[in-house]
Amino acid sequence: MNRASAVRSRKMAASREKKSGAAGESLARNGRGAASRNGRVGRNGKKEDTERIAFGHAVHSKADYRRIEKWMRENLPPPGTPEWEALCTGCGECCADKMWSGPRLLSLTSMCSFLDPETLRCNCYADRFEREPLCMPIGPEIILMGGLPEDCPYVANLPGYKGPIRVNKTFDEC
């Protein structure tokens, strides 16, 4: 699958989500996931929150999403601040092409076309989300997907975090 067909695939999935109304509140905004409600009654007789969120091939509970949001609020500076930006080490790993293999995300050797290979900085950082549909902001979605390397300062102290599996293939070779 090449980069263009991956973008088309994601856009078609987002279009289906909008038509079906299945996208969750925060996910409908960016079209990067789908949510569904499956309330059930627990052992204590109370209805449990079992809303599930799908990111790529992985499915997580809404509780997982809220846990990551809480962890980010308590352990990271507010997004967009100079302190937030200073956490980035400039390794460029988050800009590697990624693809799913079963429930795990693979990190490939090919990189985003906007990444400068010499400086490992984005050439269109200010408007990267508009120019590259597969670029995702650092937040609960990308963390639940396992899209950041395990040594990334944004997730380094997150208990149980598993980053993508690095493979020695480019996007076109997969």
N, C-alpha and C. Protein backbone atom coordinates (compact mmCIF):
# COMPACT_ATOMS: atom_id res chain seq x y z
N MET A 1 0.85 -1.17 0.00
CA MET A 1 0.00 0.00 0.00
C MET A 1 0.90 1.23 0.00
N ASN A 2 0.68 2.13 -0.95
CA ASN A 2 1.51 3.33 -0.97
C ASN A 2 0.88 4.42 -0.11
N ARG A 3 1.61 5.50 0.07
CA ARG A 3 1.18 6.60 0.94
C ARG A 3 -0.17 7.18 0.51
N ALA A 4 -0.36 7.36 -0.81
CA ALA A 4 -1.62 7.94 -1.31
C ALA A 4 -2.80 7.04 -1.00
N SER A 5 -2.64 5.72 -1.16
CA SER A 5 -3.78 4.84 -0.87
C SER A 5 -4.04 4.76 0.63
N ALA A 6 -3.01 4.91 1.46
CA ALA A 6 -3.21 4.94 2.91
C ALA A 6 -4.01 6.17 3.30
N VAL A 7 -3.72 7.30 2.68
CA VAL A 7 -4.46 8.53 2.95
C VAL A 7 -5.91 8.37 2.49
N ARG A 8 -6.10 7.81 1.29
CA ARG A 8 -7.47 7.60 0.78
C ARG A 8 -8.24 6.67 1.71
N SER A 9 -7.59 5.60 2.17
CA SER A 9 -8.23 4.64 3.06
C SER A 9 -8.68 5.32 4.35
N ARG A 10 -7.82 6.16 4.93
CA ARG A 10 -8.16 6.87 6.16
C ARG A 10 -9.31 7.85 5.92
N LYS A 11 -9.29 8.56 4.77
CA LYS A 11 -10.36 9.52 4.47
C LYS A 11 -11.68 8.80 4.27
N MET A 12 -11.65 7.63 3.60
CA MET A 12 -12.90 6.88 3.40
C MET A 12 -13.45 6.40 4.74
N ALA A 13 -12.57 5.94 5.63
CA ALA A 13 -13.03 5.49 6.95
C ALA A 13 -13.63 6.65 7.73
N ALA A 14 -13.01 7.81 7.65
CA ALA A 14 -13.53 8.99 8.35
C ALA A 14 -14.88 9.38 7.78
N SER A 15 -15.04 9.28 6.47
CA SER A 15 -16.31 9.60 5.84
C SER A 15 -17.40 8.65 6.31
N ARG A 16 -17.09 7.34 6.40
CA ARG A 16 -18.07 6.36 6.89
C ARG A 16 -18.47 6.66 8.33
N GLU A 17 -17.48 7.05 9.16
CA GLU A 17 -17.76 7.36 10.56
C GLU A 17 -18.71 8.55 10.67
N LYS A 18 -18.47 9.58 9.86
CA LYS A 18 -19.32 10.77 9.92
C LYS A 18 -20.75 10.43 9.51
N LYS A 19 -20.89 9.61 8.44
CA LYS A 19 -22.22 9.24 7.96
C LYS A 19 -22.97 8.39 8.98
N SER A 20 -22.24 7.48 9.64
CA SER A 20 -22.90 6.59 10.59
C SER A 20 -23.08 7.23 11.96
N GLY A 21 -22.36 8.33 12.20
CA GLY A 21 -22.45 8.99 13.50
C GLY A 21 -21.76 8.20 14.59
N ALA A 22 -20.84 7.30 14.21
CA ALA A 22 -20.20 6.43 15.20
C ALA A 22 -18.98 7.04 15.87
N ALA A 23 -18.54 8.18 15.40
CA ALA A 23 -17.30 8.75 15.95
C ALA A 23 -17.56 9.37 17.31
N GLY A 24 -16.59 9.21 18.23
CA GLY A 24 -16.67 9.80 19.56
C GLY A 24 -16.47 11.30 19.51
N GLU A 25 -16.79 11.99 20.60
CA GLU A 25 -16.74 13.44 20.63
C GLU A 25 -15.40 13.99 20.17
N SER A 26 -14.33 13.56 20.79
CA SER A 26 -13.02 14.12 20.45
C SER A 26 -12.48 13.52 19.17
N LEU A 27 -12.98 12.38 18.75
CA LEU A 27 -12.46 11.73 17.56
C LEU A 27 -13.17 12.19 16.30
N ALA A 28 -14.42 12.59 16.40
CA ALA A 28 -15.14 13.05 15.22
C ALA A 28 -14.48 14.29 14.66
N ARG A 29 -13.87 15.07 15.54
CA ARG A 29 -13.24 16.31 15.13
C ARG A 29 -12.10 16.06 14.15
N ASN A 30 -11.32 15.00 14.35
CA ASN A 30 -10.18 14.80 13.49
C ASN A 30 -10.26 13.54 12.64
N GLY A 31 -11.33 12.78 12.76
CA GLY A 31 -11.53 11.62 11.91
C GLY A 31 -10.49 10.53 12.06
N ARG A 32 -9.85 10.42 13.22
CA ARG A 32 -8.78 9.45 13.37
C ARG A 32 -9.20 8.23 14.18
N GLY A 33 -10.46 8.04 14.42
CA GLY A 33 -10.87 6.87 15.18
C GLY A 33 -12.38 6.71 15.15
N ALA A 34 -12.86 5.66 15.75
CA ALA A 34 -14.29 5.43 15.84
C ALA A 34 -14.61 4.96 17.24
N ALA A 35 -15.80 5.28 17.68
CA ALA A 35 -16.19 4.87 19.02
C ALA A 35 -17.55 4.20 18.97
N SER A 36 -17.81 3.32 19.92
CA SER A 36 -19.13 2.71 20.02
C SER A 36 -19.45 2.52 21.49
N ARG A 37 -20.73 2.53 21.83
CA ARG A 37 -21.16 2.33 23.21
C ARG A 37 -21.77 0.95 23.36
N ASN A 38 -21.28 0.21 24.31
CA ASN A 38 -21.81 -1.10 24.63
C ASN A 38 -21.97 -1.18 26.14
N GLY A 39 -22.92 -0.43 26.67
CA GLY A 39 -23.12 -0.44 28.12
C GLY A 39 -23.55 -1.82 28.57
N ARG A 40 -23.05 -2.24 29.72
CA ARG A 40 -23.44 -3.53 30.28
C ARG A 40 -23.56 -3.38 31.78
N VAL A 41 -24.20 -4.31 32.39
CA VAL A 41 -24.38 -4.28 33.83
C VAL A 41 -23.29 -5.14 34.46
N GLY A 42 -22.58 -4.56 35.41
CA GLY A 42 -21.49 -5.26 36.08
C GLY A 42 -21.99 -6.13 37.22
N ARG A 43 -21.08 -6.75 37.95
CA ARG A 43 -21.42 -7.64 39.05
C ARG A 43 -22.15 -6.91 40.17
N ASN A 44 -21.86 -5.61 40.31
CA ASN A 44 -22.49 -4.85 41.38
C ASN A 44 -23.89 -4.35 40.99
N GLY A 45 -24.35 -4.72 39.81
CA GLY A 45 -25.69 -4.32 39.37
C GLY A 45 -25.74 -2.94 38.73
N LYS A 46 -24.61 -2.22 38.67
CA LYS A 46 -24.57 -0.90 38.06
C LYS A 46 -24.08 -0.99 36.62
N LYS A 47 -24.57 -0.05 35.80
CA LYS A 47 -24.13 -0.01 34.41
C LYS A 47 -22.67 0.46 34.36
N GLU A 48 -21.85 -0.29 33.62
CA GLU A 48 -20.44 0.05 33.50
C GLU A 48 -20.20 0.85 32.23
N ASP A 49 -19.18 1.72 32.25
CA ASP A 49 -18.79 2.48 31.08
C ASP A 49 -17.90 1.59 30.22
N THR A 50 -18.46 1.05 29.14
CA THR A 50 -17.70 0.16 28.28
C THR A 50 -17.57 0.73 26.88
N GLU A 51 -17.59 2.04 26.77
CA GLU A 51 -17.41 2.64 25.45
C GLU A 51 -16.04 2.24 24.93
N ARG A 52 -16.00 1.81 23.69
CA ARG A 52 -14.76 1.36 23.08
C ARG A 52 -14.37 2.33 21.97
N ILE A 53 -13.07 2.55 21.82
CA ILE A 53 -12.55 3.44 20.79
C ILE A 53 -11.59 2.65 19.93
N ALA A 54 -11.72 2.77 18.61
CA ALA A 54 -10.83 2.08 17.69
C ALA A 54 -9.88 3.07 17.05
N PHE A 55 -8.59 2.76 17.13
CA PHE A 55 -7.56 3.53 16.45
C PHE A 55 -6.81 2.53 15.58
N GLY A 56 -6.97 2.65 14.28
CA GLY A 56 -6.33 1.68 13.40
C GLY A 56 -6.90 0.31 13.70
N HIS A 57 -6.06 -0.63 14.10
CA HIS A 57 -6.50 -1.99 14.40
C HIS A 57 -6.66 -2.22 15.90
N ALA A 58 -6.29 -1.24 16.71
CA ALA A 58 -6.36 -1.41 18.16
C ALA A 58 -7.68 -0.86 18.70
N VAL A 59 -8.22 -1.50 19.70
CA VAL A 59 -9.46 -1.06 20.33
C VAL A 59 -9.18 -0.82 21.80
N HIS A 60 -9.58 0.33 22.29
CA HIS A 60 -9.35 0.71 23.68
C HIS A 60 -10.65 1.21 24.30
N SER A 61 -10.73 1.14 25.61
CA SER A 61 -11.92 1.65 26.29
C SER A 61 -11.80 3.16 26.45
N LYS A 62 -12.93 3.79 26.59
CA LYS A 62 -12.95 5.23 26.84
C LYS A 62 -12.20 5.52 28.15
N ALA A 63 -12.24 4.57 29.09
CA ALA A 63 -11.51 4.73 30.35
C ALA A 63 -10.00 4.80 30.10
N ASP A 64 -9.49 4.00 29.14
CA ASP A 64 -8.06 4.08 28.78
C ASP A 64 -7.73 5.47 28.25
N TYR A 65 -8.60 5.99 27.41
CA TYR A 65 -8.41 7.32 26.82
C TYR A 65 -8.35 8.38 27.94
N ARG A 66 -9.31 8.30 28.88
CA ARG A 66 -9.33 9.26 30.00
C ARG A 66 -8.11 9.09 30.90
N ARG A 67 -7.64 7.85 31.10
CA ARG A 67 -6.45 7.60 31.90
C ARG A 67 -5.23 8.30 31.28
N ILE A 68 -5.10 8.21 29.97
CA ILE A 68 -3.98 8.86 29.28
C ILE A 68 -4.11 10.37 29.37
N GLU A 69 -5.33 10.89 29.19
CA GLU A 69 -5.53 12.35 29.32
C GLU A 69 -5.11 12.82 30.71
N LYS A 70 -5.52 12.09 31.73
CA LYS A 70 -5.18 12.46 33.11
C LYS A 70 -3.67 12.38 33.32
N TRP A 71 -3.03 11.31 32.84
CA TRP A 71 -1.60 11.17 32.99
C TRP A 71 -0.88 12.34 32.31
N MET A 72 -1.34 12.73 31.13
CA MET A 72 -0.71 13.84 30.42
C MET A 72 -0.86 15.15 31.20
N ARG A 73 -2.05 15.39 31.75
CA ARG A 73 -2.26 16.62 32.55
C ARG A 73 -1.35 16.66 33.77
N GLU A 74 -1.14 15.52 34.41
CA GLU A 74 -0.37 15.46 35.65
C GLU A 74 1.14 15.39 35.42
N ASN A 75 1.58 14.93 34.25
CA ASN A 75 3.00 14.65 34.06
C ASN A 75 3.69 15.45 32.95
N LEU A 76 2.92 16.14 32.13
CA LEU A 76 3.51 16.89 31.02
C LEU A 76 3.09 18.35 31.09
N PRO A 77 3.92 19.24 30.54
CA PRO A 77 3.49 20.64 30.48
C PRO A 77 2.31 20.78 29.50
N PRO A 78 1.57 21.87 29.58
CA PRO A 78 0.44 22.04 28.66
C PRO A 78 0.90 22.06 27.19
N PRO A 79 0.18 21.35 26.32
CA PRO A 79 0.54 21.34 24.89
C PRO A 79 0.59 22.75 24.32
N GLY A 80 1.55 22.94 23.42
CA GLY A 80 1.69 24.23 22.75
C GLY A 80 2.55 25.24 23.48
N THR A 81 2.93 24.96 24.72
CA THR A 81 3.77 25.89 25.48
C THR A 81 5.24 25.64 25.12
N PRO A 82 6.10 26.61 25.41
CA PRO A 82 7.53 26.39 25.16
C PRO A 82 8.07 25.16 25.91
N GLU A 83 7.55 24.90 27.12
CA GLU A 83 7.99 23.75 27.89
C GLU A 83 7.61 22.44 27.19
N TRP A 84 6.41 22.42 26.59
CA TRP A 84 5.95 21.24 25.83
C TRP A 84 6.87 21.00 24.65
N GLU A 85 7.14 22.04 23.88
CA GLU A 85 7.99 21.92 22.70
C GLU A 85 9.41 21.51 23.08
N ALA A 86 9.89 21.96 24.25
CA ALA A 86 11.25 21.66 24.69
C ALA A 86 11.43 20.17 25.02
N LEU A 87 10.33 19.45 25.27
CA LEU A 87 10.44 18.01 25.55
C LEU A 87 10.96 17.23 24.34
N CYS A 88 10.67 17.71 23.15
CA CYS A 88 11.06 17.00 21.94
C CYS A 88 12.58 16.98 21.80
N THR A 89 13.12 15.77 21.60
CA THR A 89 14.57 15.61 21.44
C THR A 89 15.00 15.75 19.98
N GLY A 90 14.05 15.82 19.07
CA GLY A 90 14.38 15.96 17.65
C GLY A 90 14.89 14.69 17.01
N CYS A 91 14.48 13.54 17.52
CA CYS A 91 14.96 12.27 16.96
C CYS A 91 14.31 11.95 15.61
N GLY A 92 13.13 12.49 15.35
CA GLY A 92 12.43 12.25 14.09
C GLY A 92 11.68 10.94 14.01
N GLU A 93 11.74 10.11 15.05
CA GLU A 93 11.07 8.80 15.03
C GLU A 93 9.55 8.90 14.90
N CYS A 94 8.96 9.95 15.44
CA CYS A 94 7.51 10.08 15.33
C CYS A 94 7.09 10.38 13.89
N CYS A 95 8.04 10.81 13.06
CA CYS A 95 7.76 11.12 11.66
C CYS A 95 8.00 9.94 10.73
N ALA A 96 8.41 8.80 11.28
CA ALA A 96 8.58 7.60 10.47
C ALA A 96 7.22 7.13 9.99
N ASP A 97 7.18 6.60 8.77
CA ASP A 97 5.94 6.00 8.29
C ASP A 97 5.61 4.83 9.19
N LYS A 98 4.31 4.62 9.40
CA LYS A 98 3.87 3.53 10.26
C LYS A 98 2.74 2.77 9.59
N MET A 99 2.63 1.51 9.91
CA MET A 99 1.52 0.71 9.41
C MET A 99 1.19 -0.37 10.43
N TRP A 100 -0.03 -0.87 10.36
CA TRP A 100 -0.48 -1.88 11.30
C TRP A 100 -0.09 -3.28 10.84
N SER A 101 0.29 -4.10 11.80
CA SER A 101 0.48 -5.53 11.58
C SER A 101 -0.24 -6.21 12.73
N GLY A 102 -1.45 -6.63 12.47
CA GLY A 102 -2.29 -7.16 13.54
C GLY A 102 -2.58 -6.06 14.54
N PRO A 103 -2.42 -6.32 15.84
CA PRO A 103 -2.73 -5.31 16.84
C PRO A 103 -1.59 -4.32 17.11
N ARG A 104 -0.42 -4.52 16.49
CA ARG A 104 0.74 -3.67 16.76
C ARG A 104 1.06 -2.77 15.58
N LEU A 105 1.56 -1.61 15.91
CA LEU A 105 1.98 -0.63 14.92
C LEU A 105 3.45 -0.88 14.59
N LEU A 106 3.77 -0.83 13.32
CA LEU A 106 5.15 -0.99 12.87
C LEU A 106 5.70 0.38 12.50
N SER A 107 6.93 0.66 12.88
CA SER A 107 7.62 1.89 12.50
C SER A 107 8.60 1.52 11.40
N LEU A 108 8.46 2.17 10.24
CA LEU A 108 9.25 1.84 9.06
C LEU A 108 10.47 2.76 8.94
N THR A 109 11.36 2.44 8.01
CA THR A 109 12.54 3.28 7.81
C THR A 109 12.24 4.50 6.94
N SER A 110 11.15 4.47 6.17
CA SER A 110 10.79 5.63 5.36
C SER A 110 10.18 6.69 6.26
N MET A 111 10.41 7.94 5.91
CA MET A 111 9.96 9.06 6.74
C MET A 111 8.98 9.94 5.98
N CYS A 112 8.29 10.78 6.71
CA CYS A 112 7.39 11.77 6.13
C CYS A 112 8.18 12.64 5.16
N SER A 113 7.58 13.00 4.06
CA SER A 113 8.28 13.80 3.05
C SER A 113 8.59 15.21 3.53
N PHE A 114 7.92 15.67 4.59
CA PHE A 114 8.18 17.00 5.12
C PHE A 114 9.32 17.02 6.15
N LEU A 115 9.83 15.87 6.53
CA LEU A 115 10.92 15.81 7.50
C LEU A 115 12.24 16.08 6.79
N ASP A 116 12.98 17.06 7.28
CA ASP A 116 14.30 17.36 6.73
C ASP A 116 15.27 16.30 7.27
N PRO A 117 15.87 15.47 6.39
CA PRO A 117 16.72 14.38 6.86
C PRO A 117 18.00 14.85 7.55
N GLU A 118 18.43 16.07 7.28
CA GLU A 118 19.66 16.58 7.90
C GLU A 118 19.41 17.09 9.31
N THR A 119 18.34 17.89 9.47
CA THR A 119 18.06 18.50 10.77
C THR A 119 17.07 17.70 11.61
N LEU A 120 16.37 16.75 10.97
CA LEU A 120 15.30 15.98 11.60
C LEU A 120 14.20 16.90 12.14
N ARG A 121 13.94 17.97 11.44
CA ARG A 121 12.87 18.91 11.79
C ARG A 121 11.87 18.97 10.65
N CYS A 122 10.63 19.25 10.99
CA CYS A 122 9.56 19.34 10.01
C CYS A 122 9.68 20.64 9.21
N ASN A 123 9.56 20.53 7.90
CA ASN A 123 9.64 21.71 7.04
C ASN A 123 8.36 22.54 7.04
N CYS A 124 7.28 21.99 7.58
CA CYS A 124 6.01 22.73 7.61
C CYS A 124 5.36 22.59 8.98
N TYR A 125 6.15 22.70 10.04
CA TYR A 125 5.68 22.42 11.39
C TYR A 125 4.40 23.17 11.76
N ALA A 126 4.32 24.44 11.43
CA ALA A 126 3.16 25.25 11.83
C ALA A 126 1.85 24.75 11.24
N ASP A 127 1.88 24.23 10.02
CA ASP A 127 0.64 23.76 9.38
C ASP A 127 0.74 22.29 8.95
N ARG A 128 1.49 21.50 9.71
CA ARG A 128 1.72 20.09 9.37
C ARG A 128 0.45 19.26 9.34
N PHE A 129 -0.50 19.54 10.20
CA PHE A 129 -1.72 18.72 10.24
C PHE A 129 -2.61 18.97 9.03
N GLU A 130 -2.55 20.17 8.46
CA GLU A 130 -3.31 20.46 7.26
C GLU A 130 -2.63 19.91 6.02
N ARG A 131 -1.30 19.92 6.00
CA ARG A 131 -0.55 19.50 4.82
C ARG A 131 -0.31 18.00 4.75
N GLU A 132 -0.29 17.33 5.89
CA GLU A 132 -0.06 15.88 5.92
C GLU A 132 -1.18 15.20 6.70
N PRO A 133 -2.14 14.58 6.00
CA PRO A 133 -3.29 13.97 6.67
C PRO A 133 -2.93 12.88 7.68
N LEU A 134 -1.78 12.22 7.54
CA LEU A 134 -1.41 11.17 8.46
C LEU A 134 -0.65 11.68 9.68
N CYS A 135 -0.31 12.96 9.71
CA CYS A 135 0.38 13.54 10.87
C CYS A 135 -0.64 13.72 11.99
N MET A 136 -0.28 13.26 13.18
CA MET A 136 -1.18 13.34 14.32
C MET A 136 -0.54 14.12 15.46
N PRO A 137 -1.33 14.94 16.14
CA PRO A 137 -0.77 15.63 17.31
C PRO A 137 -0.50 14.63 18.43
N ILE A 138 0.46 14.98 19.29
CA ILE A 138 0.72 14.12 20.44
C ILE A 138 -0.43 14.28 21.41
N GLY A 139 -1.11 13.18 21.65
CA GLY A 139 -2.27 13.18 22.53
C GLY A 139 -2.66 11.75 22.81
N PRO A 140 -3.79 11.55 23.48
CA PRO A 140 -4.22 10.19 23.83
C PRO A 140 -4.33 9.25 22.63
N GLU A 141 -4.77 9.76 21.47
CA GLU A 141 -4.94 8.88 20.30
C GLU A 141 -3.62 8.23 19.90
N ILE A 142 -2.59 9.06 19.68
CA ILE A 142 -1.30 8.53 19.21
C ILE A 142 -0.64 7.68 20.29
N ILE A 143 -0.85 8.03 21.56
CA ILE A 143 -0.27 7.26 22.65
C ILE A 143 -0.94 5.89 22.75
N LEU A 144 -2.27 5.84 22.66
CA LEU A 144 -2.97 4.56 22.72
C LEU A 144 -2.62 3.68 21.52
N MET A 145 -2.34 4.30 20.38
CA MET A 145 -1.92 3.53 19.20
C MET A 145 -0.53 2.96 19.38
N GLY A 146 0.28 3.58 20.25
CA GLY A 146 1.67 3.17 20.40
C GLY A 146 2.52 3.78 19.30
N GLY A 147 2.20 5.01 18.89
CA GLY A 147 2.86 5.64 17.76
C GLY A 147 4.15 6.37 18.06
N LEU A 148 4.49 6.54 19.33
CA LEU A 148 5.73 7.23 19.69
C LEU A 148 6.74 6.20 20.19
N PRO A 149 8.04 6.43 19.93
CA PRO A 149 9.02 5.47 20.44
C PRO A 149 9.00 5.44 21.97
N GLU A 150 9.35 4.32 22.55
CA GLU A 150 9.27 4.15 24.00
C GLU A 150 10.18 5.10 24.76
N ASP A 151 11.27 5.57 24.14
CA ASP A 151 12.17 6.50 24.81
C ASP A 151 11.80 7.97 24.56
N CYS A 152 10.69 8.21 23.90
CA CYS A 152 10.23 9.58 23.65
C CYS A 152 9.87 10.24 24.98
N PRO A 153 10.36 11.46 25.24
CA PRO A 153 10.07 12.12 26.52
C PRO A 153 8.57 12.32 26.79
N TYR A 154 7.75 12.33 25.74
CA TYR A 154 6.32 12.51 25.94
C TYR A 154 5.67 11.27 26.55
N VAL A 155 6.32 10.10 26.47
CA VAL A 155 5.73 8.86 27.00
C VAL A 155 6.71 8.05 27.85
N ALA A 156 7.93 8.53 28.00
CA ALA A 156 8.98 7.74 28.67
C ALA A 156 8.59 7.26 30.06
N ASN A 157 7.81 8.02 30.80
CA ASN A 157 7.44 7.64 32.17
C ASN A 157 6.01 7.11 32.28
N LEU A 158 5.39 6.82 31.16
CA LEU A 158 4.03 6.29 31.17
C LEU A 158 4.08 4.79 31.45
N PRO A 159 3.53 4.35 32.58
CA PRO A 159 3.58 2.92 32.93
C PRO A 159 2.92 2.04 31.86
N GLY A 160 3.61 1.00 31.46
CA GLY A 160 3.06 0.02 30.52
C GLY A 160 3.04 0.45 29.06
N TYR A 161 3.61 1.60 28.74
CA TYR A 161 3.56 2.07 27.34
C TYR A 161 4.41 1.18 26.45
N LYS A 162 3.84 0.79 25.30
CA LYS A 162 4.56 0.02 24.29
C LYS A 162 4.54 0.81 22.99
N GLY A 163 5.73 1.15 22.51
CA GLY A 163 5.87 1.90 21.26
C GLY A 163 5.77 0.98 20.05
N PRO A 164 5.93 1.56 18.85
CA PRO A 164 5.84 0.74 17.64
C PRO A 164 7.05 -0.20 17.52
N ILE A 165 6.85 -1.25 16.78
CA ILE A 165 7.93 -2.19 16.50
C ILE A 165 8.69 -1.65 15.30
N ARG A 166 9.99 -1.48 15.44
CA ARG A 166 10.80 -0.97 14.33
C ARG A 166 11.14 -2.10 13.37
N VAL A 167 10.88 -1.85 12.09
CA VAL A 167 11.21 -2.83 11.05
C VAL A 167 12.08 -2.15 10.00
N ASN A 168 12.92 -2.92 9.35
CA ASN A 168 13.84 -2.38 8.37
C ASN A 168 13.24 -2.45 6.97
N LYS A 169 12.10 -1.80 6.80
CA LYS A 169 11.42 -1.75 5.49
C LYS A 169 10.88 -0.34 5.29
N THR A 170 10.75 0.04 4.03
CA THR A 170 10.12 1.32 3.72
C THR A 170 8.64 1.08 3.49
N PHE A 171 7.90 2.18 3.38
CA PHE A 171 6.47 2.11 3.14
C PHE A 171 6.18 1.37 1.84
N ASP A 172 6.98 1.63 0.81
CA ASP A 172 6.75 1.00 -0.49
C ASP A 172 7.10 -0.48 -0.50
N GLU A 173 7.96 -0.93 0.41
CA GLU A 173 8.33 -2.34 0.47
C GLU A 173 7.30 -3.21 1.21
N CYS A 174 6.41 -2.59 1.91
CA CYS A 174 5.43 -3.35 2.70
C CYS A 174 4.17 -3.67 1.91
